[in-house]
Protein backbone atom coordinates (compact mmCIF):
# COMPACT_ATOMS: atom_id res chain seq x y z
CA MET A 1 24.00 -2.71 11.38
CA LEU A 2 20.97 -4.23 12.83
CA LYS A 3 22.74 -5.87 15.51
CA ARG A 4 24.75 -2.76 16.56
CA HIS A 5 21.38 -0.82 17.06
CA HIS A 6 19.61 -3.70 18.65
CA LEU A 7 16.84 -3.76 16.05
CA THR A 8 16.85 -7.38 15.27
CA ALA A 9 14.49 -8.29 18.07
CA GLU A 10 12.09 -5.52 17.34
CA ILE A 11 11.94 -6.40 13.63
CA VAL A 12 11.36 -10.10 14.38
CA ASP A 13 8.69 -9.11 16.92
CA ALA A 14 6.93 -7.03 14.30
CA LEU A 15 6.98 -9.75 11.73
CA LYS A 16 5.86 -12.46 14.15
CA ALA A 17 2.68 -10.30 15.54
CA PRO A 18 0.37 -10.98 12.52
CA PHE A 19 0.92 -14.60 12.70
CA GLU A 20 0.38 -14.76 16.56
CA GLU A 21 -2.82 -12.94 16.15
CA GLN A 22 -4.01 -15.81 13.93
CA GLY A 23 -2.97 -18.51 16.54
CA LEU A 24 0.12 -19.46 14.66
CA VAL A 25 3.62 -19.62 16.56
CA ILE A 26 7.12 -19.02 14.94
CA LYS A 27 10.07 -20.29 16.95
CA ALA A 28 12.77 -19.86 14.50
CA GLY A 29 13.56 -17.97 11.20
CA THR A 30 15.87 -16.11 9.01
CA ILE A 31 15.64 -12.55 7.81
CA VAL A 32 17.15 -12.43 4.43
CA ASP A 33 17.97 -9.04 2.40
CA VAL A 34 16.41 -9.49 -0.92
CA THR A 35 17.68 -6.22 -2.30
CA ILE A 36 17.21 -6.31 -6.21
CA ILE A 37 19.86 -4.36 -8.38
CA LEU A 38 19.74 -3.88 -12.14
CA ALA A 39 22.31 -5.69 -13.89
CA PRO A 40 23.44 -5.48 -17.56
CA SER A 41 22.09 -8.04 -20.03
CA VAL A 42 24.17 -10.63 -21.44
CA SER A 43 24.43 -8.87 -24.74
CA SER A 44 25.49 -5.79 -23.15
CA LEU A 45 28.33 -7.68 -21.33
CA ASN A 46 29.41 -9.16 -24.83
CA SER A 47 29.66 -5.71 -26.24
CA VAL A 48 31.76 -4.59 -23.37
CA ALA A 49 33.97 -7.50 -23.59
CA VAL A 50 34.64 -6.47 -27.34
CA PHE A 51 35.92 -3.21 -26.43
CA LEU A 52 38.35 -4.62 -23.67
């Protein structure tokens, strides 16, 4: 979706700006989606397996 709307370069530029203000240069990097989702605990999984 980011590529489709040509937003990747804008995001990278926005992330680089604070570093460049401090005299640092970023030449390459990777943006990673760190979405956190809730997952059932192991004990919940075991109880579900009993009912299957």
